Amino acid sequence: ADRDRGDGYYMAVPAFVGHKKDMGRLKLLLTDLKPKSSYCLIFSYRL
């Protein structure tokens, strides 16, 4: 979905798509994360 400011896009699911309780999944594949270490995933979201 296009951003308001026009710089790129975000990913969205419009409310009218599908039936109640239907699921949509978007997966981020992580590679090269070092074992025994900590990471922080930060993201913007909107409901």
All heavy atoms as atom14 arrays in JSON, in Angstrom:
{
  "sequence": "ADRDRGDGYYMAVPAFVGHKKDMGRLKLLLTDLKPKSSYCLIFSYRL",
  "atom14_mask": [
    [1, 1, 1, 1, 1, 0, 0, 0, 0, 0, 0, 0, 0, 0],
    [1, 1, 1, 1, 1, 1, 1, 1, 0, 0, 0, 0, 0, 0],
    [1, 1, 1, 1, 1, 1, 1, 1, 1, 1, 1, 0, 0, 0],
    [1, 1, 1, 1, 1, 1, 1, 1, 0, 0, 0, 0, 0, 0],
    [1, 1, 1, 1, 1, 1, 1, 1, 1, 1, 1, 0, 0, 0],
    [1, 1, 1, 1, 0, 0, 0, 0, 0, 0, 0, 0, 0, 0],
    [1, 1, 1, 1, 1, 1, 1, 1, 0, 0, 0, 0, 0, 0],
    [1, 1, 1, 1, 0, 0, 0, 0, 0, 0, 0, 0, 0, 0],
    [1, 1, 1, 1, 1, 1, 1, 1, 1, 1, 1, 1, 0, 0],
    [1, 1, 1, 1, 1, 1, 1, 1, 1, 1, 1, 1, 0, 0],
    [1, 1, 1, 1, 1, 1, 1, 1, 0, 0, 0, 0, 0, 0],
    [1, 1, 1, 1, 1, 0, 0, 0, 0, 0, 0, 0, 0, 0],
    [1, 1, 1, 1, 1, 1, 1, 0, 0, 0, 0, 0, 0, 0],
    [1, 1, 1, 1, 1, 1, 1, 0, 0, 0, 0, 0, 0, 0],
    [1, 1, 1, 1, 1, 0, 0, 0, 0, 0, 0, 0, 0, 0],
    [1, 1, 1, 1, 1, 1, 1, 1, 1, 1, 1, 0, 0, 0],
    [1, 1, 1, 1, 1, 1, 1, 0, 0, 0, 0, 0, 0, 0],
    [1, 1, 1, 1, 0, 0, 0, 0, 0, 0, 0, 0, 0, 0],
    [1, 1, 1, 1, 1, 1, 1, 1, 1, 1, 0, 0, 0, 0],
    [1, 1, 1, 1, 1, 1, 1, 1, 1, 0, 0, 0, 0, 0],
    [1, 1, 1, 1, 1, 1, 1, 1, 1, 0, 0, 0, 0, 0],
    [1, 1, 1, 1, 1, 1, 1, 1, 0, 0, 0, 0, 0, 0],
    [1, 1, 1, 1, 1, 1, 1, 1, 0, 0, 0, 0, 0, 0],
    [1, 1, 1, 1, 0, 0, 0, 0, 0, 0, 0, 0, 0, 0],
    [1, 1, 1, 1, 1, 1, 1, 1, 1, 1, 1, 0, 0, 0],
    [1, 1, 1, 1, 1, 1, 1, 1, 0, 0, 0, 0, 0, 0],
    [1, 1, 1, 1, 1, 1, 1, 1, 1, 0, 0, 0, 0, 0],
    [1, 1, 1, 1, 1, 1, 1, 1, 0, 0, 0, 0, 0, 0],
    [1, 1, 1, 1, 1, 1, 1, 1, 0, 0, 0, 0, 0, 0],
    [1, 1, 1, 1, 1, 1, 1, 1, 0, 0, 0, 0, 0, 0],
    [1, 1, 1, 1, 1, 1, 1, 0, 0, 0, 0, 0, 0, 0],
    [1, 1, 1, 1, 1, 1, 1, 1, 0, 0, 0, 0, 0, 0],
    [1, 1, 1, 1, 1, 1, 1, 1, 0, 0, 0, 0, 0, 0],
    [1, 1, 1, 1, 1, 1, 1, 1, 1, 0, 0, 0, 0, 0],
    [1, 1, 1, 1, 1, 1, 1, 0, 0, 0, 0, 0, 0, 0],
    [1, 1, 1, 1, 1, 1, 1, 1, 1, 0, 0, 0, 0, 0],
    [1, 1, 1, 1, 1, 1, 0, 0, 0, 0, 0, 0, 0, 0],
    [1, 1, 1, 1, 1, 1, 0, 0, 0, 0, 0, 0, 0, 0],
    [1, 1, 1, 1, 1, 1, 1, 1, 1, 1, 1, 1, 0, 0],
    [1, 1, 1, 1, 1, 1, 0, 0, 0, 0, 0, 0, 0, 0],
    [1, 1, 1, 1, 1, 1, 1, 1, 0, 0, 0, 0, 0, 0],
    [1, 1, 1, 1, 1, 1, 1, 1, 0, 0, 0, 0, 0, 0],
    [1, 1, 1, 1, 1, 1, 1, 1, 1, 1, 1, 0, 0, 0],
    [1, 1, 1, 1, 1, 1, 0, 0, 0, 0, 0, 0, 0, 0],
    [1, 1, 1, 1, 1, 1, 1, 1, 1, 1, 1, 1, 0, 0],
    [1, 1, 1, 1, 1, 1, 1, 1, 1, 1, 1, 0, 0, 0],
    [1, 1, 1, 1, 1, 1, 1, 1, 0, 0, 0, 0, 0, 0]
  ],
  "atom14_positions": [
    [[0.87, -1.18, 0.0], [0.0, 0.0, 0.0], [0.9, 1.23, 0.0], [1.92, 1.26, 0.69], [-0.9, 0.0, 1.23], [0.0, 0.0, 0.0], [0.0, 0.0, 0.0], [0.0, 0.0, 0.0], [0.0, 0.0, 0.0], [0.0, 0.0, 0.0], [0.0, 0.0, 0.0], [0.0, 0.0, 0.0], [0.0, 0.0, 0.0], [0.0, 0.0, 0.0]],
    [[0.54, 2.23, -0.79], [1.38, 3.42, -0.89], [1.33, 4.25, 0.38], [0.26, 4.43, 0.96], [0.93, 4.29, -2.07], [1.28, 3.64, -3.39], [2.37, 3.04, -3.49], [0.45, 3.71, -4.31], [0.0, 0.0, 0.0], [0.0, 0.0, 0.0], [0.0, 0.0, 0.0], [0.0, 0.0, 0.0], [0.0, 0.0, 0.0], [0.0, 0.0, 0.0]],
    [[2.48, 4.78, 0.77], [2.52, 5.68, 1.92], [1.93, 7.03, 1.56], [2.0, 7.47, 0.41], [3.97, 5.88, 2.36], [4.55, 4.66, 3.0], [5.78, 5.05, 3.81], [6.54, 3.85, 4.1], [7.83, 3.7, 3.84], [8.52, 4.68, 3.3], [8.43, 2.57, 4.14], [0.0, 0.0, 0.0], [0.0, 0.0, 0.0], [0.0, 0.0, 0.0]],
    [[1.38, 7.71, 2.57], [0.78, 9.03, 2.36], [1.78, 10.01, 1.74], [1.45, 10.78, 0.87], [0.29, 9.62, 3.69], [-0.81, 8.75, 4.3], [-1.43, 7.98, 3.54], [-1.02, 8.84, 5.51], [0.0, 0.0, 0.0], [0.0, 0.0, 0.0], [0.0, 0.0, 0.0], [0.0, 0.0, 0.0], [0.0, 0.0, 0.0], [0.0, 0.0, 0.0]],
    [[3.01, 9.95, 2.23], [4.01, 10.91, 1.76], [4.62, 10.51, 0.41], [5.46, 11.21, -0.12], [5.14, 11.04, 2.8], [4.64, 11.56, 4.14], [5.77, 11.66, 5.16], [6.51, 10.42, 5.35], [6.07, 9.37, 6.04], [4.88, 9.38, 6.6], [6.81, 8.28, 6.17], [0.0, 0.0, 0.0], [0.0, 0.0, 0.0], [0.0, 0.0, 0.0]],
    [[4.23, 9.35, -0.08], [4.69, 8.95, -1.4], [6.07, 8.33, -1.45], [6.56, 8.01, -2.51], [0.0, 0.0, 0.0], [0.0, 0.0, 0.0], [0.0, 0.0, 0.0], [0.0, 0.0, 0.0], [0.0, 0.0, 0.0], [0.0, 0.0, 0.0], [0.0, 0.0, 0.0], [0.0, 0.0, 0.0], [0.0, 0.0, 0.0], [0.0, 0.0, 0.0]],
    [[6.72, 8.15, -0.27], [8.07, 7.57, -0.3], [8.0, 6.07, 0.01], [8.1, 5.64, 1.14], [9.0, 8.29, 0.69], [8.42, 8.33, 2.1], [7.21, 8.06, 2.24], [9.18, 8.62, 3.03], [0.0, 0.0, 0.0], [0.0, 0.0, 0.0], [0.0, 0.0, 0.0], [0.0, 0.0, 0.0], [0.0, 0.0, 0.0], [0.0, 0.0, 0.0]],
    [[7.77, 5.29, -1.04], [7.75, 3.85, -0.86], [6.39, 3.34, -0.43], [5.37, 4.0, -0.59], [0.0, 0.0, 0.0], [0.0, 0.0, 0.0], [0.0, 0.0, 0.0], [0.0, 0.0, 0.0], [0.0, 0.0, 0.0], [0.0, 0.0, 0.0], [0.0, 0.0, 0.0], [0.0, 0.0, 0.0], [0.0, 0.0, 0.0], [0.0, 0.0, 0.0]],
    [[6.38, 2.14, 0.13], [5.11, 1.53, 0.5], [5.26, 0.72, 1.78], [6.35, 0.48, 2.27], [4.59, 0.64, -0.64], [5.49, -0.51, -1.01], [5.33, -1.76, -0.42], [6.49, -0.36, -1.97], [6.14, -2.82, -0.76], [7.32, -1.42, -2.32], [7.14, -2.66, -1.7], [7.95, -3.7, -2.03], [0.0, 0.0, 0.0], [0.0, 0.0, 0.0]],
    [[4.11, 0.32, 2.32], [4.08, -0.56, 3.48], [3.23, -1.78, 3.11], [2.66, -1.82, 2.02], [3.52, 0.16, 4.71], [2.12, 0.71, 4.57], [1.02, -0.05, 4.95], [1.89, 1.98, 4.05], [-0.27, 0.44, 4.83], [0.6, 2.49, 3.93], [-0.48, 1.71, 4.33], [-1.75, 2.2, 4.2], [0.0, 0.0, 0.0], [0.0, 0.0, 0.0]],
    [[3.14, -2.77, 3.98], [2.33, -3.95, 3.69], [1.07, -3.9, 4.54], [1.12, -3.58, 5.73], [3.1, -5.23, 3.99], [4.3, -5.44, 3.07], [3.89, -5.55, 1.32], [3.43, -7.28, 1.19], [0.0, 0.0, 0.0], [0.0, 0.0, 0.0], [0.0, 0.0, 0.0], [0.0, 0.0, 0.0], [0.0, 0.0, 0.0], [0.0, 0.0, 0.0]],
    [[-0.07, -4.22, 3.91], [-1.35, -4.08, 4.61], [-2.35, -5.15, 4.18], [-2.23, -5.75, 3.12], [-1.93, -2.7, 4.32], [0.0, 0.0, 0.0], [0.0, 0.0, 0.0], [0.0, 0.0, 0.0], [0.0, 0.0, 0.0], [0.0, 0.0, 0.0], [0.0, 0.0, 0.0], [0.0, 0.0, 0.0], [0.0, 0.0, 0.0], [0.0, 0.0, 0.0]],
    [[-3.32, -5.34, 5.07], [-4.48, -6.18, 4.77], [-5.71, -5.32, 5.01], [-5.97, -4.91, 6.14], [-4.53, -7.41, 5.7], [-5.79, -8.21, 5.44], [-3.3, -8.28, 5.52], [0.0, 0.0, 0.0], [0.0, 0.0, 0.0], [0.0, 0.0, 0.0], [0.0, 0.0, 0.0], [0.0, 0.0, 0.0], [0.0, 0.0, 0.0], [0.0, 0.0, 0.0]],
    [[-6.47, -4.99, 3.94], [-7.69, -4.21, 4.14], [-8.71, -5.01, 4.95], [-8.76, -6.23, 4.85], [-8.2, -3.98, 2.72], [-7.07, -4.33, 1.81], [-6.21, -5.31, 2.55], [0.0, 0.0, 0.0], [0.0, 0.0, 0.0], [0.0, 0.0, 0.0], [0.0, 0.0, 0.0], [0.0, 0.0, 0.0], [0.0, 0.0, 0.0], [0.0, 0.0, 0.0]],
    [[-9.53, -4.31, 5.73], [-10.49, -4.97, 6.63], [-11.51, -5.83, 5.91], [-12.02, -6.79, 6.46], [-11.21, -3.92, 7.47], [0.0, 0.0, 0.0], [0.0, 0.0, 0.0], [0.0, 0.0, 0.0], [0.0, 0.0, 0.0], [0.0, 0.0, 0.0], [0.0, 0.0, 0.0], [0.0, 0.0, 0.0], [0.0, 0.0, 0.0], [0.0, 0.0, 0.0]],
    [[-11.82, -5.5, 4.66], [-12.9, -6.22, 3.97], [-12.43, -7.51, 3.29], [-13.23, -8.22, 2.69], [-13.58, -5.3, 2.94], [-12.62, -4.71, 1.95], [-12.18, -5.43, 0.86], [-12.14, -3.42, 2.14], [-11.29, -4.89, -0.05], [-11.25, -2.87, 1.23], [-10.82, -3.61, 0.14], [0.0, 0.0, 0.0], [0.0, 0.0, 0.0], [0.0, 0.0, 0.0]],
    [[-11.14, -7.82, 3.34], [-10.63, -9.01, 2.66], [-10.93, -10.27, 3.48], [-10.67, -10.31, 4.67], [-9.1, -8.88, 2.44], [-8.5, -10.21, 2.02], [-8.81, -7.82, 1.4], [0.0, 0.0, 0.0], [0.0, 0.0, 0.0], [0.0, 0.0, 0.0], [0.0, 0.0, 0.0], [0.0, 0.0, 0.0], [0.0, 0.0, 0.0], [0.0, 0.0, 0.0]],
    [[-11.49, -11.28, 2.83], [-11.71, -12.56, 3.49], [-12.91, -12.57, 4.41], [-13.73, -11.65, 4.42], [0.0, 0.0, 0.0], [0.0, 0.0, 0.0], [0.0, 0.0, 0.0], [0.0, 0.0, 0.0], [0.0, 0.0, 0.0], [0.0, 0.0, 0.0], [0.0, 0.0, 0.0], [0.0, 0.0, 0.0], [0.0, 0.0, 0.0], [0.0, 0.0, 0.0]],
    [[-13.03, -13.64, 5.19], [-14.12, -13.83, 6.15], [-13.58, -13.71, 7.56], [-12.38, -13.84, 7.79], [-14.75, -15.21, 5.96], [-15.29, -15.44, 4.59], [-16.42, -14.82, 4.12], [-14.82, -16.2, 3.56], [-16.65, -15.2, 2.87], [-15.69, -16.02, 2.51], [0.0, 0.0, 0.0], [0.0, 0.0, 0.0], [0.0, 0.0, 0.0], [0.0, 0.0, 0.0]],
    [[-14.49, -13.52, 8.52], [-14.08, -13.41, 9.92], [-13.21, -14.61, 10.3], [-13.5, -15.73, 9.9], [-15.33, -13.35, 10.8], [-15.02, -13.05, 12.24], [-16.29, -12.75, 13.01], [-15.96, -12.33, 14.41], [-15.92, -13.42, 15.37], [0.0, 0.0, 0.0], [0.0, 0.0, 0.0], [0.0, 0.0, 0.0], [0.0, 0.0, 0.0], [0.0, 0.0, 0.0]],
    [[-12.17, -14.35, 11.03], [-11.2, -15.35, 11.51], [-10.24, -15.86, 10.42], [-9.38, -16.69, 10.69], [-11.89, -16.56, 12.17], [-12.72, -16.2, 13.38], [-11.98, -16.56, 14.65], [-12.84, -16.44, 15.88], [-12.4, -15.4, 16.79], [0.0, 0.0, 0.0], [0.0, 0.0, 0.0], [0.0, 0.0, 0.0], [0.0, 0.0, 0.0], [0.0, 0.0, 0.0]],
    [[-10.37, -15.42, 9.18], [-9.38, -15.78, 8.15], [-8.03, -15.19, 8.55], [-7.96, -14.14, 9.18], [-9.78, -15.22, 6.78], [-10.75, -16.13, 6.04], [-11.16, -17.16, 6.6], [-11.1, -15.79, 4.9], [0.0, 0.0, 0.0], [0.0, 0.0, 0.0], [0.0, 0.0, 0.0], [0.0, 0.0, 0.0], [0.0, 0.0, 0.0], [0.0, 0.0, 0.0]],
    [[-6.96, -15.85, 8.14], [-5.6, -15.42, 8.48], [-4.79, -15.12, 7.23], [-4.92, -15.81, 6.22], [-4.84, -16.55, 9.2], [-5.55, -17.12, 10.39], [-5.29, -16.07, 11.81], [-6.05, -17.08, 13.05], [0.0, 0.0, 0.0], [0.0, 0.0, 0.0], [0.0, 0.0, 0.0], [0.0, 0.0, 0.0], [0.0, 0.0, 0.0], [0.0, 0.0, 0.0]],
    [[-3.92, -14.11, 7.35], [-2.93, -13.84, 6.32], [-1.57, -13.75, 6.99], [-1.43, -13.05, 8.0], [0.0, 0.0, 0.0], [0.0, 0.0, 0.0], [0.0, 0.0, 0.0], [0.0, 0.0, 0.0], [0.0, 0.0, 0.0], [0.0, 0.0, 0.0], [0.0, 0.0, 0.0], [0.0, 0.0, 0.0], [0.0, 0.0, 0.0], [0.0, 0.0, 0.0]],
    [[-0.58, -14.47, 6.48], [0.73, -14.48, 7.12], [1.82, -14.01, 6.17], [1.89, -14.43, 5.03], [1.07, -15.89, 7.61], [0.2, -16.35, 8.73], [0.6, -17.72, 9.28], [-0.55, -18.3, 9.95], [-1.44, -19.08, 9.36], [-1.28, -19.44, 8.1], [-2.47, -19.54, 10.04], [0.0, 0.0, 0.0], [0.0, 0.0, 0.0], [0.0, 0.0, 0.0]],
    [[2.66, -13.13, 6.69], [3.8, -12.6, 5.96], [5.04, -12.96, 6.77], [5.13, -12.62, 7.95], [3.66, -11.09, 5.83], [4.66, -10.38, 4.93], [4.53, -10.87, 3.49], [4.41, -8.88, 4.99], [0.0, 0.0, 0.0], [0.0, 0.0, 0.0], [0.0, 0.0, 0.0], [0.0, 0.0, 0.0], [0.0, 0.0, 0.0], [0.0, 0.0, 0.0]],
    [[5.96, -13.68, 6.14], [7.08, -14.24, 6.88], [8.39, -13.54, 6.5], [8.67, -13.37, 5.31], [7.16, -15.73, 6.55], [8.13, -16.51, 7.41], [8.07, -18.0, 7.1], [6.88, -18.64, 7.79], [6.92, -20.11, 7.71], [0.0, 0.0, 0.0], [0.0, 0.0, 0.0], [0.0, 0.0, 0.0], [0.0, 0.0, 0.0], [0.0, 0.0, 0.0]],
    [[9.14, -13.17, 7.51], [10.47, -12.59, 7.32], [11.48, -13.69, 7.59], [11.55, -14.22, 8.71], [10.66, -11.43, 8.3], [12.07, -10.85, 8.42], [12.57, -10.32, 7.08], [12.09, -9.73, 9.46], [0.0, 0.0, 0.0], [0.0, 0.0, 0.0], [0.0, 0.0, 0.0], [0.0, 0.0, 0.0], [0.0, 0.0, 0.0], [0.0, 0.0, 0.0]],
    [[12.24, -14.06, 6.56], [13.24, -15.11, 6.72], [14.53, -14.5, 7.26], [15.04, -13.53, 6.7], [13.5, -15.81, 5.39], [12.27, -16.41, 4.72], [12.63, -17.07, 3.4], [11.58, -17.41, 5.64], [0.0, 0.0, 0.0], [0.0, 0.0, 0.0], [0.0, 0.0, 0.0], [0.0, 0.0, 0.0], [0.0, 0.0, 0.0], [0.0, 0.0, 0.0]],
    [[15.03, -15.06, 8.34], [16.24, -14.54, 8.97], [17.38, -15.49, 8.7], [17.27, -16.69, 8.96], [16.04, -14.42, 10.49], [14.9, -13.52, 10.94], [14.72, -13.61, 12.44], [15.16, -12.07, 10.54], [0.0, 0.0, 0.0], [0.0, 0.0, 0.0], [0.0, 0.0, 0.0], [0.0, 0.0, 0.0], [0.0, 0.0, 0.0], [0.0, 0.0, 0.0]],
    [[18.47, -14.95, 8.2], [19.65, -15.79, 7.99], [20.82, -15.12, 8.7], [20.78, -13.93, 8.99], [19.98, -15.92, 6.48], [19.99, -14.62, 5.91], [18.95, -16.78, 5.78], [0.0, 0.0, 0.0], [0.0, 0.0, 0.0], [0.0, 0.0, 0.0], [0.0, 0.0, 0.0], [0.0, 0.0, 0.0], [0.0, 0.0, 0.0], [0.0, 0.0, 0.0]],
    [[21.82, -15.87, 9.01], [23.06, -15.35, 9.59], [22.89, -14.7, 10.96], [23.65, -13.81, 11.3], [23.73, -14.32, 8.66], [23.88, -14.85, 7.24], [24.09, -16.07, 7.12], [23.79, -14.07, 6.29], [0.0, 0.0, 0.0], [0.0, 0.0, 0.0], [0.0, 0.0, 0.0], [0.0, 0.0, 0.0], [0.0, 0.0, 0.0], [0.0, 0.0, 0.0]],
    [[21.89, -15.1, 11.74], [21.83, -14.6, 13.12], [22.77, -15.47, 13.95], [22.76, -16.68, 13.85], [20.42, -14.69, 13.7], [19.35, -13.8, 13.1], [18.13, -13.77, 14.0], [19.85, -12.38, 12.87], [0.0, 0.0, 0.0], [0.0, 0.0, 0.0], [0.0, 0.0, 0.0], [0.0, 0.0, 0.0], [0.0, 0.0, 0.0], [0.0, 0.0, 0.0]],
    [[23.6, -14.82, 14.75], [24.6, -15.57, 15.52], [23.93, -16.27, 16.71], [23.13, -15.67, 17.41], [25.67, -14.63, 16.04], [26.52, -14.0, 14.96], [27.59, -13.11, 15.58], [28.31, -12.3, 14.5], [27.41, -11.31, 13.86], [0.0, 0.0, 0.0], [0.0, 0.0, 0.0], [0.0, 0.0, 0.0], [0.0, 0.0, 0.0], [0.0, 0.0, 0.0]],
    [[24.3, -17.55, 16.95], [23.77, -18.24, 18.13], [24.25, -17.55, 19.41], [25.28, -16.87, 19.41], [24.35, -19.65, 18.04], [24.89, -19.78, 16.66], [25.15, -18.4, 16.15], [0.0, 0.0, 0.0], [0.0, 0.0, 0.0], [0.0, 0.0, 0.0], [0.0, 0.0, 0.0], [0.0, 0.0, 0.0], [0.0, 0.0, 0.0], [0.0, 0.0, 0.0]],
    [[23.52, -17.75, 20.5], [23.86, -17.2, 21.81], [24.03, -15.67, 21.77], [24.98, -15.13, 22.31], [25.12, -17.87, 22.36], [24.94, -19.36, 22.58], [26.11, -19.97, 23.31], [25.85, -21.4, 23.71], [25.32, -22.25, 22.64], [0.0, 0.0, 0.0], [0.0, 0.0, 0.0], [0.0, 0.0, 0.0], [0.0, 0.0, 0.0], [0.0, 0.0, 0.0]],
    [[23.12, -15.01, 21.08], [23.17, -13.55, 21.06], [21.73, -13.01, 21.05], [20.79, -13.74, 20.83], [23.94, -13.05, 19.85], [23.51, -13.69, 18.68], [0.0, 0.0, 0.0], [0.0, 0.0, 0.0], [0.0, 0.0, 0.0], [0.0, 0.0, 0.0], [0.0, 0.0, 0.0], [0.0, 0.0, 0.0], [0.0, 0.0, 0.0], [0.0, 0.0, 0.0]],
    [[21.6, -11.72, 21.33], [20.28, -11.09, 21.4], [20.08, -10.13, 20.24], [21.02, -9.48, 19.8], [20.17, -10.26, 22.69], [20.36, -11.07, 23.79], [0.0, 0.0, 0.0], [0.0, 0.0, 0.0], [0.0, 0.0, 0.0], [0.0, 0.0, 0.0], [0.0, 0.0, 0.0], [0.0, 0.0, 0.0], [0.0, 0.0, 0.0], [0.0, 0.0, 0.0]],
    [[18.85, -10.06, 19.79], [18.47, -9.12, 18.74], [17.18, -8.44, 19.13], [16.42, -8.95, 19.96], [18.27, -9.85, 17.4], [19.53, -10.44, 16.85], [19.94, -11.72, 17.22], [20.33, -9.72, 15.99], [21.13, -12.26, 16.73], [21.51, -10.25, 15.49], [21.9, -11.51, 15.86], [23.06, -12.04, 15.38], [0.0, 0.0, 0.0], [0.0, 0.0, 0.0]],
    [[16.91, -7.31, 18.51], [15.66, -6.61, 18.73], [15.02, -6.35, 17.37], [15.67, -5.79, 16.48], [15.9, -5.29, 19.46], [14.38, -4.37, 19.74], [0.0, 0.0, 0.0], [0.0, 0.0, 0.0], [0.0, 0.0, 0.0], [0.0, 0.0, 0.0], [0.0, 0.0, 0.0], [0.0, 0.0, 0.0], [0.0, 0.0, 0.0], [0.0, 0.0, 0.0]],
    [[13.78, -6.78, 17.22], [13.01, -6.51, 16.02], [12.1, -5.32, 16.33], [11.32, -5.37, 17.27], [12.17, -7.73, 15.64], [11.4, -7.61, 14.33], [12.36, -7.81, 13.16], [10.29, -8.64, 14.27], [0.0, 0.0, 0.0], [0.0, 0.0, 0.0], [0.0, 0.0, 0.0], [0.0, 0.0, 0.0], [0.0, 0.0, 0.0], [0.0, 0.0, 0.0]],
    [[12.27, -4.25, 15.59], [11.46, -3.04, 15.79], [10.63, -2.82, 14.52], [11.16, -2.97, 13.41], [12.36, -1.81, 16.05], [13.25, -2.06, 17.27], [11.53, -0.54, 16.25], [14.29, -0.98, 17.52], [0.0, 0.0, 0.0], [0.0, 0.0, 0.0], [0.0, 0.0, 0.0], [0.0, 0.0, 0.0], [0.0, 0.0, 0.0], [0.0, 0.0, 0.0]],
    [[9.36, -2.5, 14.68], [8.5, -2.32, 13.51], [7.4, -1.31, 13.82], [7.06, -1.06, 14.97], [7.87, -3.65, 13.08], [7.09, -4.35, 14.16], [5.72, -4.21, 14.24], [7.73, -5.15, 15.1], [4.99, -4.84, 15.24], [7.02, -5.79, 16.1], [5.64, -5.64, 16.18], [0.0, 0.0, 0.0], [0.0, 0.0, 0.0], [0.0, 0.0, 0.0]],
    [[6.88, -0.71, 12.76], [5.72, 0.16, 12.88], [4.49, -0.65, 12.52], [4.56, -1.5, 11.62], [5.82, 1.34, 11.9], [6.98, 2.08, 12.15], [0.0, 0.0, 0.0], [0.0, 0.0, 0.0], [0.0, 0.0, 0.0], [0.0, 0.0, 0.0], [0.0, 0.0, 0.0], [0.0, 0.0, 0.0], [0.0, 0.0, 0.0], [0.0, 0.0, 0.0]],
    [[3.4, -0.39, 13.22], [2.17, -1.11, 12.89], [0.97, -0.18, 13.09], [1.06, 0.82, 13.79], [2.01, -2.37, 13.77], [1.74, -2.06, 15.22], [0.44, -2.01, 15.71], [2.79, -1.82, 16.11], [0.19, -1.71, 17.04], [2.55, -1.52, 17.44], [1.24, -1.48, 17.9], [1.0, -1.18, 19.21], [0.0, 0.0, 0.0], [0.0, 0.0, 0.0]],
    [[-0.12, -0.57, 12.46], [-1.35, 0.21, 12.58], [-2.55, -0.72, 12.48], [-2.6, -1.57, 11.59], [-1.42, 1.26, 11.48], [-2.65, 2.14, 11.58], [-2.53, 3.33, 10.68], [-2.78, 2.95, 9.29], [-2.97, 3.83, 8.32], [-2.9, 5.12, 8.58], [-3.2, 3.44, 7.1], [0.0, 0.0, 0.0], [0.0, 0.0, 0.0], [0.0, 0.0, 0.0]],
    [[-3.48, -0.58, 13.41], [-4.76, -1.27, 13.33], [-5.81, -0.16, 13.22], [-6.11, 0.5, 14.2], [-5.0, -2.11, 14.58], [-4.07, -3.32, 14.69], [-3.62, -3.52, 16.12], [-4.73, -4.57, 14.18], [0.0, 0.0, 0.0], [0.0, 0.0, 0.0], [0.0, 0.0, 0.0], [0.0, 0.0, 0.0], [0.0, 0.0, 0.0], [0.0, 0.0, 0.0]]
  ]
}
